Amino acid sequence: MSSLIRNRKKVRQVIDFTGVQNGKMHPSDIDAVLEFDNEILILIEVKYKYKKIPTGQRLLLERLCNSWHTKKSIVLKVEHDYESDEENIPLENCKITAIYYDNKWIYYSEGYEFKRYINKLGEKWECKKCSF
């Protein structure tokens, strides 16, 4: 399968938030978002194995999830173990190690296969588009 990355050099460019912070507060990013038919919202944050989501970013993800207008919203913390910054991180091979749903975090010590979990969500929430 071919990659969705069109220009690797552009992807490697870092957005520098210097100058747009107020004390410890500064812009944050979300690594991936899936949204289906204004019904389902899946927020995805990818971290290197064992790294925590920083408090401010975690609060942002939780608040966005909580404010979604349906109960079909979730945050997935996904971990990888790719050490080289020259190597792409294939999301489909990453493991979900935590989910935020219904105002609480659930942690998986072994990790859950990303595609398998997304497909199960699609079935649970009866969304054929949410299938990979």
N, C-alpha and C. Protein backbone atom coordinates (compact mmCIF):
# COMPACT_ATOMS: atom_id res chain seq x y z
N MET A 1 0.84 -1.17 0.00
CA MET A 1 0.00 0.00 0.00
C MET A 1 0.90 1.24 0.00
N SER A 2 0.55 2.24 -0.79
CA SER A 2 1.35 3.45 -0.83
C SER A 2 1.01 4.36 0.35
N SER A 3 1.97 5.16 0.72
CA SER A 3 1.82 6.07 1.87
C SER A 3 0.96 7.27 1.50
N LEU A 4 0.26 7.81 2.48
CA LEU A 4 -0.51 9.03 2.29
C LEU A 4 0.37 10.28 2.40
N ILE A 5 1.63 10.10 2.80
CA ILE A 5 2.55 11.22 2.93
C ILE A 5 3.06 11.60 1.55
N ARG A 6 2.76 12.83 1.15
CA ARG A 6 3.16 13.29 -0.19
C ARG A 6 4.55 13.92 -0.20
N ASN A 7 4.90 14.62 0.88
CA ASN A 7 6.18 15.31 0.92
C ASN A 7 6.79 15.14 2.31
N ARG A 8 7.67 14.17 2.44
CA ARG A 8 8.27 13.84 3.75
C ARG A 8 8.98 15.04 4.36
N LYS A 9 9.62 15.87 3.54
CA LYS A 9 10.34 17.03 4.09
C LYS A 9 9.38 18.01 4.75
N LYS A 10 8.22 18.21 4.16
CA LYS A 10 7.22 19.11 4.75
C LYS A 10 6.66 18.55 6.05
N VAL A 11 6.46 17.24 6.10
CA VAL A 11 5.94 16.62 7.31
C VAL A 11 6.92 16.80 8.46
N ARG A 12 8.19 16.82 8.17
CA ARG A 12 9.22 16.94 9.21
C ARG A 12 9.37 18.37 9.73
N GLN A 13 8.75 19.34 9.05
CA GLN A 13 8.83 20.71 9.54
C GLN A 13 8.09 20.82 10.87
N VAL A 14 8.73 21.46 11.83
CA VAL A 14 8.15 21.64 13.16
C VAL A 14 7.48 23.01 13.23
N ILE A 15 6.31 23.06 13.81
CA ILE A 15 5.64 24.34 14.06
C ILE A 15 6.13 24.83 15.41
N ASP A 16 6.80 25.96 15.42
CA ASP A 16 7.38 26.52 16.63
C ASP A 16 6.36 27.46 17.28
N PHE A 17 5.95 27.15 18.51
CA PHE A 17 4.95 27.94 19.22
C PHE A 17 5.56 29.10 20.01
N THR A 18 6.85 29.33 19.87
CA THR A 18 7.50 30.43 20.58
C THR A 18 6.80 31.74 20.24
N GLY A 19 6.49 32.51 21.26
CA GLY A 19 5.85 33.81 21.05
C GLY A 19 4.34 33.76 21.13
N VAL A 20 3.77 32.59 21.13
CA VAL A 20 2.31 32.47 21.25
C VAL A 20 1.97 31.60 22.47
N GLN A 21 2.65 31.92 23.56
CA GLN A 21 2.34 31.24 24.81
C GLN A 21 2.05 32.31 25.86
N ASN A 22 1.35 31.89 26.89
CA ASN A 22 1.04 32.76 28.01
C ASN A 22 1.40 31.97 29.26
N GLY A 23 2.58 32.22 29.79
CA GLY A 23 3.08 31.39 30.88
C GLY A 23 3.29 29.98 30.37
N LYS A 24 2.66 29.01 31.03
CA LYS A 24 2.79 27.62 30.61
C LYS A 24 1.79 27.25 29.52
N MET A 25 0.85 28.13 29.22
CA MET A 25 -0.17 27.82 28.21
C MET A 25 0.36 28.16 26.82
N HIS A 26 0.18 27.22 25.91
CA HIS A 26 0.60 27.41 24.51
C HIS A 26 -0.25 26.51 23.63
N PRO A 27 -0.22 26.74 22.31
CA PRO A 27 -1.01 25.88 21.41
C PRO A 27 -0.63 24.42 21.56
N SER A 28 -1.58 23.56 21.26
CA SER A 28 -1.37 22.12 21.31
C SER A 28 -1.78 21.52 19.97
N ASP A 29 -1.39 20.29 19.75
CA ASP A 29 -1.80 19.61 18.52
C ASP A 29 -2.47 18.29 18.87
N ILE A 30 -3.19 17.80 17.91
CA ILE A 30 -3.80 16.47 18.01
C ILE A 30 -3.26 15.71 16.81
N ASP A 31 -2.76 14.51 17.04
CA ASP A 31 -2.08 13.78 15.97
C ASP A 31 -3.01 13.31 14.86
N ALA A 32 -4.21 12.90 15.21
CA ALA A 32 -5.15 12.45 14.19
C ALA A 32 -6.58 12.58 14.71
N VAL A 33 -7.48 12.83 13.78
CA VAL A 33 -8.91 12.93 14.10
C VAL A 33 -9.68 12.17 13.03
N LEU A 34 -10.61 11.34 13.48
CA LEU A 34 -11.56 10.69 12.56
C LEU A 34 -12.94 11.19 12.95
N GLU A 35 -13.69 11.62 11.97
CA GLU A 35 -15.05 12.11 12.21
C GLU A 35 -15.94 11.52 11.13
N PHE A 36 -17.05 10.96 11.54
CA PHE A 36 -17.94 10.30 10.59
C PHE A 36 -19.35 10.88 10.70
N ASP A 37 -19.79 11.51 9.63
CA ASP A 37 -21.19 11.95 9.47
C ASP A 37 -21.72 12.80 10.63
N ASN A 38 -20.86 13.59 11.24
CA ASN A 38 -21.27 14.45 12.34
C ASN A 38 -21.84 13.65 13.51
N GLU A 39 -21.52 12.37 13.59
CA GLU A 39 -22.01 11.49 14.65
C GLU A 39 -20.87 10.98 15.52
N ILE A 40 -19.79 10.54 14.88
CA ILE A 40 -18.69 9.88 15.59
C ILE A 40 -17.46 10.78 15.54
N LEU A 41 -16.81 10.92 16.70
CA LEU A 41 -15.56 11.67 16.79
C LEU A 41 -14.53 10.80 17.51
N ILE A 42 -13.40 10.57 16.84
CA ILE A 42 -12.30 9.79 17.41
C ILE A 42 -11.06 10.68 17.38
N LEU A 43 -10.57 11.05 18.56
CA LEU A 43 -9.36 11.85 18.70
C LEU A 43 -8.21 10.92 19.03
N ILE A 44 -7.09 11.09 18.34
CA ILE A 44 -5.98 10.16 18.47
C ILE A 44 -4.70 10.92 18.82
N GLU A 45 -4.08 10.53 19.90
CA GLU A 45 -2.79 11.10 20.29
C GLU A 45 -1.77 9.97 20.30
N VAL A 46 -0.70 10.15 19.54
CA VAL A 46 0.34 9.13 19.39
C VAL A 46 1.58 9.56 20.18
N LYS A 47 2.07 8.66 20.99
CA LYS A 47 3.26 8.92 21.80
C LYS A 47 4.22 7.75 21.68
N TYR A 48 5.51 8.04 21.91
CA TYR A 48 6.50 6.98 22.01
C TYR A 48 6.16 6.15 23.24
N LYS A 49 6.44 4.85 23.21
CA LYS A 49 6.04 3.94 24.29
C LYS A 49 6.39 4.50 25.67
N TYR A 50 5.43 4.34 26.55
CA TYR A 50 5.50 4.73 27.96
C TYR A 50 5.45 6.24 28.22
N LYS A 51 5.38 7.06 27.18
CA LYS A 51 5.29 8.51 27.38
C LYS A 51 3.86 8.90 27.71
N LYS A 52 3.71 9.81 28.64
CA LYS A 52 2.39 10.27 29.05
C LYS A 52 1.94 11.43 28.17
N ILE A 53 0.65 11.61 28.08
CA ILE A 53 0.10 12.80 27.45
C ILE A 53 0.25 13.92 28.47
N PRO A 54 0.88 15.04 28.11
CA PRO A 54 1.02 16.14 29.06
C PRO A 54 -0.35 16.62 29.57
N THR A 55 -0.38 17.12 30.78
CA THR A 55 -1.63 17.49 31.44
C THR A 55 -2.50 18.41 30.60
N GLY A 56 -1.95 19.49 30.08
CA GLY A 56 -2.74 20.43 29.29
C GLY A 56 -3.33 19.79 28.04
N GLN A 57 -2.55 18.99 27.37
CA GLN A 57 -3.03 18.32 26.16
C GLN A 57 -4.10 17.28 26.52
N ARG A 58 -3.90 16.57 27.61
CA ARG A 58 -4.89 15.59 28.07
C ARG A 58 -6.22 16.28 28.38
N LEU A 59 -6.15 17.40 29.08
CA LEU A 59 -7.37 18.14 29.41
C LEU A 59 -8.08 18.63 28.15
N LEU A 60 -7.32 19.11 27.17
CA LEU A 60 -7.90 19.54 25.90
C LEU A 60 -8.64 18.39 25.22
N LEU A 61 -7.98 17.24 25.12
CA LEU A 61 -8.60 16.08 24.48
C LEU A 61 -9.86 15.64 25.22
N GLU A 62 -9.80 15.61 26.54
CA GLU A 62 -10.97 15.23 27.34
C GLU A 62 -12.12 16.21 27.12
N ARG A 63 -11.82 17.50 27.13
CA ARG A 63 -12.87 18.51 26.98
C ARG A 63 -13.50 18.48 25.59
N LEU A 64 -12.69 18.28 24.58
CA LEU A 64 -13.25 18.15 23.22
C LEU A 64 -14.15 16.93 23.13
N CYS A 65 -13.71 15.83 23.68
CA CYS A 65 -14.50 14.59 23.68
C CYS A 65 -15.80 14.79 24.44
N ASN A 66 -15.71 15.39 25.62
CA ASN A 66 -16.90 15.60 26.45
C ASN A 66 -17.91 16.55 25.81
N SER A 67 -17.42 17.47 25.01
CA SER A 67 -18.32 18.48 24.44
C SER A 67 -18.97 18.02 23.13
N TRP A 68 -18.56 16.87 22.60
CA TRP A 68 -19.16 16.34 21.37
C TRP A 68 -20.65 16.12 21.61
N HIS A 69 -21.46 16.37 20.62
CA HIS A 69 -22.91 16.37 20.79
C HIS A 69 -23.56 14.99 20.79
N THR A 70 -22.77 13.93 20.61
CA THR A 70 -23.33 12.58 20.74
C THR A 70 -22.46 11.82 21.74
N LYS A 71 -22.91 10.66 22.15
CA LYS A 71 -22.12 9.79 23.05
C LYS A 71 -21.05 9.01 22.28
N LYS A 72 -20.99 9.23 20.98
CA LYS A 72 -20.04 8.51 20.13
C LYS A 72 -18.77 9.33 19.93
N SER A 73 -18.10 9.62 21.05
CA SER A 73 -16.82 10.34 21.00
C SER A 73 -15.85 9.64 21.93
N ILE A 74 -14.59 9.62 21.51
CA ILE A 74 -13.58 8.86 22.26
C ILE A 74 -12.21 9.45 21.98
N VAL A 75 -11.31 9.31 22.95
CA VAL A 75 -9.91 9.68 22.78
C VAL A 75 -9.10 8.39 22.86
N LEU A 76 -8.19 8.21 21.93
CA LEU A 76 -7.31 7.03 21.94
C LEU A 76 -5.88 7.49 22.14
N LYS A 77 -5.23 6.96 23.17
CA LYS A 77 -3.79 7.17 23.33
C LYS A 77 -3.13 5.97 22.67
N VAL A 78 -2.32 6.25 21.69
CA VAL A 78 -1.69 5.21 20.89
C VAL A 78 -0.18 5.30 21.09
N GLU A 79 0.46 4.15 21.24
CA GLU A 79 1.91 4.14 21.45
C GLU A 79 2.63 3.39 20.34
N HIS A 80 3.86 3.83 20.10
CA HIS A 80 4.73 3.17 19.11
C HIS A 80 6.11 2.98 19.73
N ASP A 81 6.95 2.18 19.05
CA ASP A 81 8.32 1.98 19.52
C ASP A 81 9.33 2.19 18.40
N TYR A 82 9.00 3.09 17.47
CA TYR A 82 9.92 3.41 16.37
C TYR A 82 10.89 4.48 16.86
N GLU A 83 12.16 4.11 16.99
CA GLU A 83 13.15 5.03 17.54
C GLU A 83 13.72 5.99 16.51
N SER A 84 13.86 5.56 15.28
CA SER A 84 14.49 6.38 14.25
C SER A 84 13.52 7.45 13.73
N ASP A 85 13.98 8.69 13.71
CA ASP A 85 13.14 9.75 13.15
C ASP A 85 13.20 9.77 11.62
N GLU A 86 13.93 8.84 11.06
CA GLU A 86 13.98 8.67 9.60
C GLU A 86 12.92 7.67 9.13
N GLU A 87 12.26 7.04 10.06
CA GLU A 87 11.30 5.98 9.74
C GLU A 87 9.87 6.48 10.00
N ASN A 88 8.98 6.21 9.05
CA ASN A 88 7.57 6.53 9.26
C ASN A 88 7.00 5.65 10.37
N ILE A 89 6.02 6.17 11.07
CA ILE A 89 5.33 5.42 12.11
C ILE A 89 3.99 4.98 11.54
N PRO A 90 3.84 3.72 11.16
CA PRO A 90 2.57 3.26 10.60
C PRO A 90 1.51 3.11 11.71
N LEU A 91 0.53 3.97 11.70
CA LEU A 91 -0.50 3.97 12.73
C LEU A 91 -1.17 2.60 12.87
N GLU A 92 -1.36 1.93 11.75
CA GLU A 92 -2.03 0.62 11.80
C GLU A 92 -1.26 -0.41 12.61
N ASN A 93 0.04 -0.20 12.82
CA ASN A 93 0.86 -1.13 13.61
C ASN A 93 1.04 -0.69 15.06
N CYS A 94 0.47 0.44 15.42
CA CYS A 94 0.60 0.95 16.78
C CYS A 94 -0.43 0.29 17.70
N LYS A 95 -0.20 0.46 19.00
CA LYS A 95 -1.09 -0.14 20.00
C LYS A 95 -1.80 0.95 20.80
N ILE A 96 -3.08 0.75 21.02
CA ILE A 96 -3.85 1.64 21.89
C ILE A 96 -3.56 1.20 23.32
N THR A 97 -3.07 2.13 24.13
CA THR A 97 -2.75 1.80 25.52
C THR A 97 -3.70 2.46 26.50
N ALA A 98 -4.51 3.40 26.02
CA ALA A 98 -5.50 4.04 26.89
C ALA A 98 -6.62 4.62 26.03
N ILE A 99 -7.82 4.58 26.58
CA ILE A 99 -8.96 5.24 25.91
C ILE A 99 -9.66 6.11 26.94
N TYR A 100 -10.17 7.22 26.44
CA TYR A 100 -11.00 8.09 27.28
C TYR A 100 -12.40 8.06 26.67
N TYR A 101 -13.35 7.60 27.48
CA TYR A 101 -14.72 7.47 27.02
C TYR A 101 -15.64 7.59 28.23
N ASP A 102 -16.72 8.29 28.06
CA ASP A 102 -17.72 8.44 29.13
C ASP A 102 -17.06 8.98 30.41
N ASN A 103 -16.24 10.00 30.24
CA ASN A 103 -15.60 10.73 31.35
C ASN A 103 -14.59 9.93 32.17
N LYS A 104 -14.04 8.87 31.59
CA LYS A 104 -13.01 8.13 32.34
C LYS A 104 -11.99 7.50 31.39
N TRP A 105 -10.79 7.33 31.93
CA TRP A 105 -9.72 6.67 31.20
C TRP A 105 -9.68 5.20 31.55
N ILE A 106 -9.46 4.38 30.55
CA ILE A 106 -9.26 2.94 30.72
C ILE A 106 -7.90 2.63 30.10
N TYR A 107 -7.08 1.89 30.85
CA TYR A 107 -5.71 1.61 30.41
C TYR A 107 -5.57 0.13 30.05
N TYR A 108 -4.78 -0.12 29.00
CA TYR A 108 -4.50 -1.49 28.55
C TYR A 108 -3.00 -1.74 28.69
N SER A 109 -2.61 -2.63 29.57
CA SER A 109 -1.19 -2.88 29.79
C SER A 109 -0.53 -3.54 28.58
N GLU A 110 -1.25 -4.38 27.89
CA GLU A 110 -0.69 -5.07 26.73
C GLU A 110 -0.86 -4.27 25.44
N GLY A 111 -1.73 -3.32 25.42
CA GLY A 111 -2.01 -2.58 24.20
C GLY A 111 -3.03 -3.30 23.34
N TYR A 112 -3.78 -2.55 22.60
CA TYR A 112 -4.84 -3.09 21.76
C TYR A 112 -4.54 -2.70 20.32
N GLU A 113 -4.65 -3.61 19.40
CA GLU A 113 -4.35 -3.33 17.99
C GLU A 113 -5.23 -2.21 17.47
N PHE A 114 -4.61 -1.20 16.89
CA PHE A 114 -5.32 0.00 16.46
C PHE A 114 -6.47 -0.31 15.50
N LYS A 115 -6.16 -0.96 14.37
CA LYS A 115 -7.21 -1.22 13.37
C LYS A 115 -8.33 -2.08 13.93
N ARG A 116 -7.97 -3.06 14.71
CA ARG A 116 -8.98 -3.95 15.28
C ARG A 116 -9.94 -3.16 16.18
N TYR A 117 -9.38 -2.26 16.99
CA TYR A 117 -10.21 -1.47 17.89
C TYR A 117 -11.13 -0.53 17.10
N ILE A 118 -10.58 0.14 16.11
CA ILE A 118 -11.39 1.06 15.29
C ILE A 118 -12.53 0.30 14.61
N ASN A 119 -12.23 -0.87 14.08
CA ASN A 119 -13.26 -1.68 13.43
C ASN A 119 -14.35 -2.10 14.43
N LYS A 120 -13.95 -2.43 15.65
CA LYS A 120 -14.94 -2.79 16.67
C LYS A 120 -15.81 -1.58 17.03
N LEU A 121 -15.20 -0.40 17.08
CA LEU A 121 -16.00 0.81 17.33
C LEU A 121 -17.02 1.01 16.22
N GLY A 122 -16.59 0.81 14.97
CA GLY A 122 -17.50 0.95 13.84
C GLY A 122 -18.69 0.01 13.96
N GLU A 123 -18.43 -1.21 14.37
CA GLU A 123 -19.52 -2.18 14.59
C GLU A 123 -20.42 -1.73 15.74
N LYS A 124 -19.81 -1.38 16.87
CA LYS A 124 -20.58 -0.98 18.05
C LYS A 124 -21.47 0.22 17.77
N TRP A 125 -20.90 1.19 17.05
CA TRP A 125 -21.63 2.43 16.78
C TRP A 125 -22.36 2.40 15.44
N GLU A 126 -22.42 1.21 14.83
CA GLU A 126 -23.16 0.98 13.58
C GLU A 126 -22.80 1.99 12.49
N CYS A 127 -21.50 2.06 12.21
CA CYS A 127 -20.99 2.97 11.18
C CYS A 127 -20.09 2.20 10.23
N LYS A 128 -20.60 1.93 9.04
CA LYS A 128 -19.84 1.16 8.05
C LYS A 128 -18.60 1.92 7.58
N LYS A 129 -18.64 3.25 7.61
CA LYS A 129 -17.47 4.04 7.21
C LYS A 129 -16.32 3.87 8.18
N CYS A 130 -16.62 3.53 9.41
CA CYS A 130 -15.60 3.36 10.46
C CYS A 130 -15.11 1.92 10.42
N SER A 131 -14.51 1.55 9.30
CA SER A 131 -14.02 0.20 9.09
C SER A 131 -12.81 0.28 8.17
N PHE A 132 -11.73 -0.35 8.59
CA PHE A 132 -10.49 -0.27 7.80
C PHE A 132 -9.92 -1.65 7.56
